[in-house]
Structures are given as structure tokens and as C-alpha cells.
Amino acid sequence: MVIILLICTGLLGLCFGSFIHVVIYRFSPDKAALSYLYDIVFSRSKCVYCYHKLSYLSLIPIISWLIQRGQCRYCHQSIAINYLLVELIISIYCCVMISTYDCTLWTIILIFLGLYFIILAAIDFRYLLLPNYFTYPIMLTGLALSYVEINPIRLIDGGLGIICGYILLWVPAHLYYYFKKHSGLGGGDIKLLAALGTWIHYSQLPMLLVFASSIGILYVIFGAYFKKIPLKIVVIPFGPCLLISAYIILLQLANYHY
């Protein structure tokens, strides 16, 4: 029974990985929310080289890539292996979550939350942008699950988490602007931490911020040392730092529920 569950989870993970790649690839900063949603749901996938619409046989996770030997069946251009890697990584991630925390409602919620974080982190890393129509659903979902008592964070604590999360980044962001006369932190990061306050208790938000800042410092060091980028011009996508830190804390908290 466990093996069947893991096989089904792995197959679903492959599909999720394929879908995540579509969501990230079709994002554009100049797209309105409804236009972006329409592209995700209704637009057919096309070859990035010849723009030929792909048949359903070309969209089967992993299998299509292997059968076509990593090439477009129409123009025979090579298909990047990252399509395959994303599907495999997401599949493994889903299986690990189910095998570690069992197949419960909260585990499934954590899986989907992790997938959502991956999308948002990838968009911020690529565009240095955290759209409101991505961050607000995190906040609203957290509050809704608190209201129906699925989220372990109480509804009142979720409200306090929003306030505390917003203040924790709003204050340093405005102080930085006051002294430097230019922005050092995007408004999307502030809203994201506020949204994460509905999933993580407000008392743990300072710890989350310390973790995220540490990851940001490591990113700067990596960029300066390996990529030879001067420290003054290294730009940190802080959204991924916040999301990684938040998910680590959520997984640590999940250990107390099992």
C-alpha cells in the first residue's frame, strides 16, 4: 500500500513539476493578472524555437523528453534538460514529504505551499519582483485555514503576524531610504513577510528574518567570490531568502505534529 502511494505521489509530482515550469516560464512583469492566468490555463505549449504547438504526446512528463531524445519533434532543436530536472526534483520532493510526514491533510497543504514558494522564489530571482497577486493569496489562505482550524496558527495570531511581519521590514526599509535616498528593499518583500506571518507564529518572525538575512549574506559572498561581482552592485533577491527560511521553520514545526 505504501509503495502504491509513493508511486502515485511520484507521478503527480512529475505533473506538478511540468506545470510549475509552465507557470514560471509564462510569467512576465508586464502581464496583468488575468492575462497571465489565461496564458497558464488556456494557452497551448509551444516550442521555444519554431513556435509549433506541441501535441499532447509531447507533453508527457519525462517520457516525452526521453522518447524525443531531448529534441523538438518538429524542428529537432535541443530541449533544455532543466525541464526534465524540474519534474524529477518536484517528484522526489513530493515523495519525501509523504514518506516523512505521512499522507495527511497538513502534509498535502505543506506540499502545495512548498510548490507555491518555488514558483514565487523563481520569479523573484529572475525578475526581482514579488507580484501582489502571488503574495496576497499566501496571506488569505493562511487566515482562511486558521479560521477553519486547520492551520495551527490561531486566527488572532495570524492577524498579529501580518502586522509584525510588515513592521519588521517596513521600518528598516524606510530608515535605509531616509539615509541612502534610494530603496534598499522592495515593497513585495515587506508584504511577503507579512503574509508569512499567517503561517508562522509572530514570535518566530525575527528568527525567520535572521535566517533570511544569513542566506542573503551567503548569496552576496557567493556573487563576490565566484562570479567576481563587486559588493556594491550585488543585488539580493530577498524573496527566495524569506521563502527558504519560512519553509525550513514550517518543516521544523511539522516535526512536532508527527
C-alpha atoms as a PDB file:
ATOM      1  CA  MET A   1       0.000   0.000   0.000  1.00  0.00           C
ATOM      2  CA  VAL A   2       2.853   2.370   0.888  1.00  0.00           C
ATOM      3  CA  ILE A   3       4.630   1.610  -2.390  1.00  0.00           C
ATOM      4  CA  ILE A   4       1.460   2.316  -4.387  1.00  0.00           C
ATOM      5  CA  LEU A   5       1.018   5.612  -2.519  1.00  0.00           C
ATOM      6  CA  LEU A   6       4.600   6.663  -3.286  1.00  0.00           C
ATOM      7  CA  ILE A   7       4.248   5.710  -6.959  1.00  0.00           C
ATOM      8  CA  CYS A   8       1.064   7.762  -7.278  1.00  0.00           C
ATOM      9  CA  THR A   9       2.718  10.640  -5.416  1.00  0.00           C
ATOM     10  CA  GLY A  10       5.754  10.474  -7.686  1.00  0.00           C
ATOM     11  CA  LEU A  11       3.615  10.542 -10.821  1.00  0.00           C
ATOM     12  CA  LEU A  12       1.622  13.500  -9.520  1.00  0.00           C
ATOM     13  CA  GLY A  13       4.913  15.175  -8.643  1.00  0.00           C
ATOM     14  CA  LEU A  14       6.064  14.841 -12.245  1.00  0.00           C
ATOM     15  CA  CYS A  15       2.877  16.568 -13.402  1.00  0.00           C
ATOM     16  CA  PHE A  16       3.303  19.298 -10.785  1.00  0.00           C
ATOM     17  CA  GLY A  17       6.882  19.825 -11.925  1.00  0.00           C
ATOM     18  CA  SER A  18       5.778  20.225 -15.530  1.00  0.00           C
ATOM     19  CA  PHE A  19       3.072  22.678 -14.501  1.00  0.00           C
ATOM     20  CA  ILE A  20       5.455  24.703 -12.333  1.00  0.00           C
ATOM     21  CA  HIS A  21       7.806  25.100 -15.270  1.00  0.00           C
ATOM     22  CA  VAL A  22       4.911  26.454 -17.343  1.00  0.00           C
ATOM     23  CA  VAL A  23       3.860  28.910 -14.623  1.00  0.00           C
ATOM     24  CA  ILE A  24       7.388  30.279 -14.244  1.00  0.00           C
ATOM     25  CA  TYR A  25       8.173  30.376 -17.959  1.00  0.00           C
ATOM     26  CA  ARG A  26       4.973  32.208 -18.916  1.00  0.00           C
ATOM     27  CA  PHE A  27       5.318  34.911 -16.292  1.00  0.00           C
ATOM     28  CA  SER A  28       6.166  38.394 -17.482  1.00  0.00           C
ATOM     29  CA  PRO A  29       6.300  41.568 -15.354  1.00  0.00           C
ATOM     30  CA  ASP A  30       4.206  43.477 -17.882  1.00  0.00           C
ATOM     31  CA  LYS A  31       1.335  40.948 -17.874  1.00  0.00           C
ATOM     32  CA  ALA A  32      -1.832  41.704 -15.972  1.00  0.00           C
ATOM     33  CA  ALA A  33      -3.010  39.055 -13.519  1.00  0.00           C
ATOM     34  CA  LEU A  34      -5.960  37.904 -15.651  1.00  0.00           C
ATOM     35  CA  SER A  35      -3.863  37.768 -18.819  1.00  0.00           C
ATOM     36  CA  TYR A  36      -1.221  35.727 -17.017  1.00  0.00           C
ATOM     37  CA  LEU A  37      -3.836  33.357 -15.611  1.00  0.00           C
ATOM     38  CA  TYR A  38      -5.346  32.919 -19.090  1.00  0.00           C
ATOM     39  CA  ASP A  39      -1.925  32.061 -20.535  1.00  0.00           C
ATOM     40  CA  ILE A  40      -1.366  29.428 -17.862  1.00  0.00           C
ATOM     41  CA  VAL A  41      -4.766  27.761 -18.142  1.00  0.00           C
ATOM     42  CA  PHE A  42      -5.730  28.051 -21.795  1.00  0.00           C
ATOM     43  CA  SER A  43      -2.647  28.727 -23.941  1.00  0.00           C
ATOM     44  CA  ARG A  44      -1.141  25.672 -25.611  1.00  0.00           C
ATOM     45  CA  SER A  45       2.534  24.966 -25.052  1.00  0.00           C
ATOM     46  CA  LYS A  46       4.822  25.791 -27.983  1.00  0.00           C
ATOM     47  CA  CYS A  47       8.370  25.009 -28.980  1.00  0.00           C
ATOM     48  CA  VAL A  48      10.589  27.915 -27.925  1.00  0.00           C
ATOM     49  CA  TYR A  49      12.441  27.706 -31.259  1.00  0.00           C
ATOM     50  CA  CYS A  50       9.910  27.019 -34.014  1.00  0.00           C
ATOM     51  CA  TYR A  51       6.783  28.058 -32.029  1.00  0.00           C
ATOM     52  CA  HIS A  52       4.929  24.966 -33.207  1.00  0.00           C
ATOM     53  CA  LYS A  53       2.105  23.998 -30.868  1.00  0.00           C
ATOM     54  CA  LEU A  54       3.045  20.826 -29.047  1.00  0.00           C
ATOM     55  CA  SER A  55       0.800  17.783 -29.198  1.00  0.00           C
ATOM     56  CA  TYR A  56      -0.339  16.093 -26.003  1.00  0.00           C
ATOM     57  CA  LEU A  57       2.123  13.272 -26.704  1.00  0.00           C
ATOM     58  CA  SER A  58       4.925  15.815 -26.423  1.00  0.00           C
ATOM     59  CA  LEU A  59       3.756  16.978 -23.003  1.00  0.00           C
ATOM     60  CA  ILE A  60       4.024  13.744 -21.016  1.00  0.00           C
ATOM     61  CA  PRO A  61       6.484  14.428 -18.170  1.00  0.00           C
ATOM     62  CA  ILE A  62       9.912  12.790 -18.654  1.00  0.00           C
ATOM     63  CA  ILE A  63       8.590  10.184 -21.120  1.00  0.00           C
ATOM     64  CA  SER A  64       8.161  12.680 -23.964  1.00  0.00           C
ATOM     65  CA  TRP A  65      11.649  14.106 -23.361  1.00  0.00           C
ATOM     66  CA  LEU A  66      13.202  10.642 -23.401  1.00  0.00           C
ATOM     67  CA  ILE A  67      11.272   9.387 -26.456  1.00  0.00           C
ATOM     68  CA  GLN A  68      12.181  12.527 -28.409  1.00  0.00           C
ATOM     69  CA  ARG A  69      15.780  12.245 -27.185  1.00  0.00           C
ATOM     70  CA  GLY A  70      15.679  15.747 -25.771  1.00  0.00           C
ATOM     71  CA  GLN A  71      14.700  17.319 -29.085  1.00  0.00           C
ATOM     72  CA  CYS A  72      11.654  19.059 -30.525  1.00  0.00           C
ATOM     73  CA  ARG A  73       9.866  16.590 -32.778  1.00  0.00           C
ATOM     74  CA  TYR A  74       9.178  19.355 -35.333  1.00  0.00           C
ATOM     75  CA  CYS A  75      12.390  21.409 -35.652  1.00  0.00           C
ATOM     76  CA  HIS A  76      14.736  18.957 -33.874  1.00  0.00           C
ATOM     77  CA  GLN A  77      16.277  21.673 -31.723  1.00  0.00           C
ATOM     78  CA  SER A  78      17.556  20.511 -28.338  1.00  0.00           C
ATOM     79  CA  ILE A  79      15.152  20.868 -25.411  1.00  0.00           C
ATOM     80  CA  ALA A  80      16.881  22.108 -22.268  1.00  0.00           C
ATOM     81  CA  ILE A  81      17.410  19.379 -19.709  1.00  0.00           C
ATOM     82  CA  ASN A  82      16.105  21.687 -16.966  1.00  0.00           C
ATOM     83  CA  TYR A  83      12.567  20.613 -17.969  1.00  0.00           C
ATOM     84  CA  LEU A  84      13.473  17.061 -17.027  1.00  0.00           C
ATOM     85  CA  LEU A  85      15.320  18.084 -13.868  1.00  0.00           C
ATOM     86  CA  VAL A  86      12.461  20.218 -12.524  1.00  0.00           C
ATOM     87  CA  GLU A  87       9.998  17.361 -12.995  1.00  0.00           C
ATOM     88  CA  LEU A  88      12.295  14.879 -11.273  1.00  0.00           C
ATOM     89  CA  ILE A  89      13.142  17.191  -8.365  1.00  0.00           C
ATOM     90  CA  ILE A  90       9.489  18.035  -7.692  1.00  0.00           C
ATOM     91  CA  SER A  91       8.541  14.351  -7.897  1.00  0.00           C
ATOM     92  CA  ILE A  92      11.255  13.417  -5.384  1.00  0.00           C
ATOM     93  CA  TYR A  93      10.236  16.315  -3.130  1.00  0.00           C
ATOM     94  CA  CYS A  94       6.607  15.133  -3.027  1.00  0.00           C
ATOM     95  CA  CYS A  95       7.638  11.550  -2.271  1.00  0.00           C
ATOM     96  CA  VAL A  96       9.991  12.637   0.516  1.00  0.00           C
ATOM     97  CA  MET A  97       7.274  14.757   2.123  1.00  0.00           C
ATOM     98  CA  ILE A  98       4.736  11.926   2.053  1.00  0.00           C
ATOM     99  CA  SER A  99       7.192   9.329   3.323  1.00  0.00           C
ATOM    100  CA  THR A 100       8.421  11.632   6.109  1.00  0.00           C
ATOM    101  CA  TYR A 101       5.164  13.136   7.363  1.00  0.00           C
ATOM    102  CA  ASP A 102       2.592  10.577   6.141  1.00  0.00           C
ATOM    103  CA  CYS A 103      -0.321  11.331   3.849  1.00  0.00           C
ATOM    104  CA  THR A 104      -2.287  13.781   5.977  1.00  0.00           C
ATOM    105  CA  LEU A 105      -4.185  16.940   5.110  1.00  0.00           C
ATOM    106  CA  TRP A 106      -1.490  19.124   6.663  1.00  0.00           C
ATOM    107  CA  THR A 107       1.255  17.324   4.713  1.00  0.00           C
ATOM    108  CA  ILE A 108      -0.621  17.915   1.462  1.00  0.00           C
ATOM    109  CA  ILE A 109      -1.034  21.591   2.390  1.00  0.00           C
ATOM    110  CA  LEU A 110       2.703  21.864   3.098  1.00  0.00           C
ATOM    111  CA  ILE A 111       3.498  20.233  -0.252  1.00  0.00           C
ATOM    112  CA  PHE A 112       1.373  22.695  -2.203  1.00  0.00           C
ATOM    113  CA  LEU A 113       2.720  25.580  -0.136  1.00  0.00           C
ATOM    114  CA  GLY A 114       6.257  24.458  -0.990  1.00  0.00           C
ATOM    115  CA  LEU A 115       5.410  24.289  -4.697  1.00  0.00           C
ATOM    116  CA  TYR A 116       3.928  27.777  -4.489  1.00  0.00           C
ATOM    117  CA  PHE A 117       7.073  29.029  -2.754  1.00  0.00           C
ATOM    118  CA  ILE A 118       9.217  27.564  -5.539  1.00  0.00           C
ATOM    119  CA  ILE A 119       7.250  29.484  -8.171  1.00  0.00           C
ATOM    120  CA  LEU A 120       7.416  32.745  -6.250  1.00  0.00           C
ATOM    121  CA  ALA A 121      11.122  32.336  -5.436  1.00  0.00           C
ATOM    122  CA  ALA A 122      11.961  31.617  -9.096  1.00  0.00           C
ATOM    123  CA  ILE A 123      10.056  34.695 -10.286  1.00  0.00           C
ATOM    124  CA  ASP A 124      11.723  36.966  -7.732  1.00  0.00           C
ATOM    125  CA  PHE A 125      15.146  35.512  -8.510  1.00  0.00           C
ATOM    126  CA  ARG A 126      14.644  36.136 -12.210  1.00  0.00           C
ATOM    127  CA  TYR A 127      12.812  39.478 -12.196  1.00  0.00           C
ATOM    128  CA  LEU A 128      13.415  40.893  -8.672  1.00  0.00           C
ATOM    129  CA  LEU A 129       9.655  41.166  -8.370  1.00  0.00           C
ATOM    130  CA  LEU A 130       7.032  39.777  -5.994  1.00  0.00           C
ATOM    131  CA  PRO A 131       3.611  40.466  -7.543  1.00  0.00           C
ATOM    132  CA  ASN A 132       0.728  41.199  -5.174  1.00  0.00           C
ATOM    133  CA  TYR A 133      -1.380  38.528  -6.848  1.00  0.00           C
ATOM    134  CA  PHE A 134       1.171  35.974  -5.643  1.00  0.00           C
ATOM    135  CA  THR A 135       1.792  37.261  -2.115  1.00  0.00           C
ATOM    136  CA  TYR A 136      -1.798  38.087  -1.103  1.00  0.00           C
ATOM    137  CA  PRO A 137      -3.084  34.513  -1.656  1.00  0.00           C
ATOM    138  CA  ILE A 138      -0.468  33.280   0.856  1.00  0.00           C
ATOM    139  CA  MET A 139      -1.915  35.664   3.428  1.00  0.00           C
ATOM    140  CA  LEU A 140      -5.567  34.940   2.657  1.00  0.00           C
ATOM    141  CA  THR A 141      -5.061  31.174   2.584  1.00  0.00           C
ATOM    142  CA  GLY A 142      -3.229  31.241   5.900  1.00  0.00           C
ATOM    143  CA  LEU A 143      -6.037  33.216   7.527  1.00  0.00           C
ATOM    144  CA  ALA A 144      -8.733  31.022   5.965  1.00  0.00           C
ATOM    145  CA  LEU A 145      -7.088  27.826   7.236  1.00  0.00           C
ATOM    146  CA  SER A 146      -6.736  29.413  10.675  1.00  0.00           C
ATOM    147  CA  TYR A 147     -10.445  30.250  10.635  1.00  0.00           C
ATOM    148  CA  VAL A 148     -11.405  26.608   9.947  1.00  0.00           C
ATOM    149  CA  GLU A 149      -8.760  25.484  12.482  1.00  0.00           C
ATOM    150  CA  ILE A 150      -6.578  23.571  10.013  1.00  0.00           C
ATOM    151  CA  ASN A 151      -3.669  25.976  10.314  1.00  0.00           C
ATOM    152  CA  PRO A 152      -2.095  25.564  13.806  1.00  0.00           C
ATOM    153  CA  ILE A 153      -1.701  29.361  13.917  1.00  0.00           C
ATOM    154  CA  ARG A 154      -4.756  30.885  15.603  1.00  0.00           C
ATOM    155  CA  LEU A 155      -6.674  33.495  13.640  1.00  0.00           C
ATOM    156  CA  ILE A 156      -5.802  36.295  16.079  1.00  0.00           C
ATOM    157  CA  ASP A 157      -2.127  35.289  15.976  1.00  0.00           C
ATOM    158  CA  GLY A 158      -2.290  35.312  12.188  1.00  0.00           C
ATOM    159  CA  GLY A 159      -3.543  38.889  12.298  1.00  0.00           C
ATOM    160  CA  LEU A 160      -0.739  39.856  14.662  1.00  0.00           C
ATOM    161  CA  GLY A 161       1.693  38.039  12.366  1.00  0.00           C
ATOM    162  CA  ILE A 162       0.645  40.247   9.456  1.00  0.00           C
ATOM    163  CA  ILE A 163       1.227  43.390  11.491  1.00  0.00           C
ATOM    164  CA  CYS A 164       4.535  42.236  12.972  1.00  0.00           C
ATOM    165  CA  GLY A 165       5.830  40.920   9.647  1.00  0.00           C
ATOM    166  CA  TYR A 166       5.014  44.195   7.915  1.00  0.00           C
ATOM    167  CA  ILE A 167       6.627  46.340  10.621  1.00  0.00           C
ATOM    168  CA  LEU A 168       9.770  44.187  10.823  1.00  0.00           C
ATOM    169  CA  LEU A 169      10.711  45.079   7.245  1.00  0.00           C
ATOM    170  CA  TRP A 170       8.859  48.370   6.780  1.00  0.00           C
ATOM    171  CA  VAL A 171      10.910  50.140   9.468  1.00  0.00           C
ATOM    172  CA  PRO A 172      14.419  49.195   8.188  1.00  0.00           C
ATOM    173  CA  ALA A 173      13.324  49.775   4.587  1.00  0.00           C
ATOM    174  CA  HIS A 174      12.246  53.350   5.355  1.00  0.00           C
ATOM    175  CA  LEU A 175      15.287  54.044   7.519  1.00  0.00           C
ATOM    176  CA  TYR A 176      17.527  52.876   4.679  1.00  0.00           C
ATOM    177  CA  TYR A 177      15.693  55.117   2.236  1.00  0.00           C
ATOM    178  CA  TYR A 178      15.953  58.068   4.648  1.00  0.00           C
ATOM    179  CA  PHE A 179      19.726  57.806   4.943  1.00  0.00           C
ATOM    180  CA  LYS A 180      20.647  56.493   1.476  1.00  0.00           C
ATOM    181  CA  LYS A 181      17.985  58.307  -0.566  1.00  0.00           C
ATOM    182  CA  HIS A 182      17.211  55.185  -2.588  1.00  0.00           C
ATOM    183  CA  SER A 183      15.313  51.976  -1.946  1.00  0.00           C
ATOM    184  CA  GLY A 184      17.188  49.037  -0.499  1.00  0.00           C
ATOM    185  CA  LEU A 185      14.200  46.739  -0.076  1.00  0.00           C
ATOM    186  CA  GLY A 186      11.188  46.191  -2.300  1.00  0.00           C
ATOM    187  CA  GLY A 187       7.618  46.557  -1.122  1.00  0.00           C
ATOM    188  CA  GLY A 188       6.973  42.998  -2.237  1.00  0.00           C
ATOM    189  CA  ASP A 189       9.404  41.681   0.372  1.00  0.00           C
ATOM    190  CA  ILE A 190       7.572  43.584   3.106  1.00  0.00           C
ATOM    191  CA  LYS A 191       4.208  42.196   2.021  1.00  0.00           C
ATOM    192  CA  LEU A 192       5.660  38.699   1.729  1.00  0.00           C
ATOM    193  CA  LEU A 193       6.907  38.677   5.325  1.00  0.00           C
ATOM    194  CA  ALA A 194       3.503  39.967   6.427  1.00  0.00           C
ATOM    195  CA  ALA A 195       1.850  37.120   4.513  1.00  0.00           C
ATOM    196  CA  LEU A 196       4.218  34.557   6.047  1.00  0.00           C
ATOM    197  CA  GLY A 197       3.074  35.809   9.440  1.00  0.00           C
ATOM    198  CA  THR A 198      -0.180  33.930   8.892  1.00  0.00           C
ATOM    199  CA  TRP A 199       1.711  30.627   8.687  1.00  0.00           C
ATOM    200  CA  ILE A 200       4.462  31.162  11.240  1.00  0.00           C
ATOM    201  CA  HIS A 201       3.827  32.495  14.744  1.00  0.00           C
ATOM    202  CA  TYR A 202       4.680  36.167  15.060  1.00  0.00           C
ATOM    203  CA  SER A 203       7.155  35.376  17.861  1.00  0.00           C
ATOM    204  CA  GLN A 204       9.261  33.408  15.339  1.00  0.00           C
ATOM    205  CA  LEU A 205       9.318  36.068  12.632  1.00  0.00           C
ATOM    206  CA  PRO A 206      12.515  37.720  13.968  1.00  0.00           C
ATOM    207  CA  MET A 207      14.231  34.318  13.785  1.00  0.00           C
ATOM    208  CA  LEU A 208      12.934  33.898  10.227  1.00  0.00           C
ATOM    209  CA  LEU A 209      14.384  37.296   9.356  1.00  0.00           C
ATOM    210  CA  VAL A 210      17.778  36.332  10.826  1.00  0.00           C
ATOM    211  CA  PHE A 211      17.819  33.123   8.768  1.00  0.00           C
ATOM    212  CA  ALA A 212      16.818  35.001   5.619  1.00  0.00           C
ATOM    213  CA  SER A 213      19.479  37.670   6.179  1.00  0.00           C
ATOM    214  CA  SER A 214      22.113  34.956   6.647  1.00  0.00           C
ATOM    215  CA  ILE A 215      21.113  33.379   3.345  1.00  0.00           C
ATOM    216  CA  GLY A 216      21.282  36.815   1.714  1.00  0.00           C
ATOM    217  CA  ILE A 217      24.801  37.370   3.080  1.00  0.00           C
ATOM    218  CA  LEU A 218      25.907  33.998   1.713  1.00  0.00           C
ATOM    219  CA  TYR A 219      24.433  34.972  -1.664  1.00  0.00           C
ATOM    220  CA  VAL A 220      26.465  38.204  -1.638  1.00  0.00           C
ATOM    221  CA  ILE A 221      29.642  36.321  -0.730  1.00  0.00           C
ATOM    222  CA  PHE A 222      28.983  33.779  -3.479  1.00  0.00           C
ATOM    223  CA  GLY A 223      28.416  36.522  -6.040  1.00  0.00           C
ATOM    224  CA  ALA A 224      31.523  38.450  -4.996  1.00  0.00           C
ATOM    225  CA  TYR A 225      33.853  35.461  -4.791  1.00  0.00           C
ATOM    226  CA  PHE A 226      32.720  33.089  -7.546  1.00  0.00           C
ATOM    227  CA  LYS A 227      31.123  35.482 -10.029  1.00  0.00           C
ATOM    228  CA  LYS A 228      33.571  38.312  -9.356  1.00  0.00           C
ATOM    229  CA  ILE A 229      30.745  40.808  -8.857  1.00  0.00           C
ATOM    230  CA  PRO A 230      31.712  43.913  -6.826  1.00  0.00           C
ATOM    231  CA  LEU A 231      29.936  44.007  -3.472  1.00  0.00           C
ATOM    232  CA  LYS A 232      28.477  47.446  -4.194  1.00  0.00           C
ATOM    233  CA  ILE A 233      26.448  46.210  -7.153  1.00  0.00           C
ATOM    234  CA  VAL A 234      25.355  42.778  -5.909  1.00  0.00           C
ATOM    235  CA  VAL A 235      21.550  42.773  -5.870  1.00  0.00           C
ATOM    236  CA  ILE A 236      19.929  40.314  -3.472  1.00  0.00           C
ATOM    237  CA  PRO A 237      16.591  38.740  -4.419  1.00  0.00           C
ATOM    238  CA  PHE A 238      15.369  38.700  -0.821  1.00  0.00           C
ATOM    239  CA  GLY A 239      12.116  36.884  -1.574  1.00  0.00           C
ATOM    240  CA  PRO A 240      13.789  33.464  -2.006  1.00  0.00           C
ATOM    241  CA  CYS A 241      15.716  34.048   1.235  1.00  0.00           C
ATOM    242  CA  LEU A 242      12.456  34.668   3.116  1.00  0.00           C
ATOM    243  CA  LEU A 243      10.694  31.714   1.487  1.00  0.00           C
ATOM    244  CA  ILE A 244      13.502  29.233   2.135  1.00  0.00           C
ATOM    245  CA  SER A 245      13.741  30.319   5.768  1.00  0.00           C
ATOM    246  CA  ALA A 246       9.976  30.184   6.247  1.00  0.00           C
ATOM    247  CA  TYR A 247       9.705  26.686   4.803  1.00  0.00           C
ATOM    248  CA  ILE A 248      12.547  25.381   6.985  1.00  0.00           C
ATOM    249  CA  ILE A 249      10.726  26.699  10.048  1.00  0.00           C
ATOM    250  CA  LEU A 250       7.439  25.174   8.872  1.00  0.00           C
ATOM    251  CA  LEU A 251       9.098  21.784   8.433  1.00  0.00           C
ATOM    252  CA  GLN A 252      10.646  22.025  11.880  1.00  0.00           C
ATOM    253  CA  LEU A 253       7.234  22.826  13.342  1.00  0.00           C
ATOM    254  CA  ALA A 254       5.713  19.936  11.392  1.00  0.00           C
ATOM    255  CA  ASN A 255       8.000  17.543  13.261  1.00  0.00           C
ATOM    256  CA  TYR A 256       6.077  18.321  16.448  1.00  0.00           C
ATOM    257  CA  HIS A 257       2.815  17.213  14.838  1.00  0.00           C
ATOM    258  CA  TYR A 258       4.042  13.708  13.947  1.00  0.00           C
END
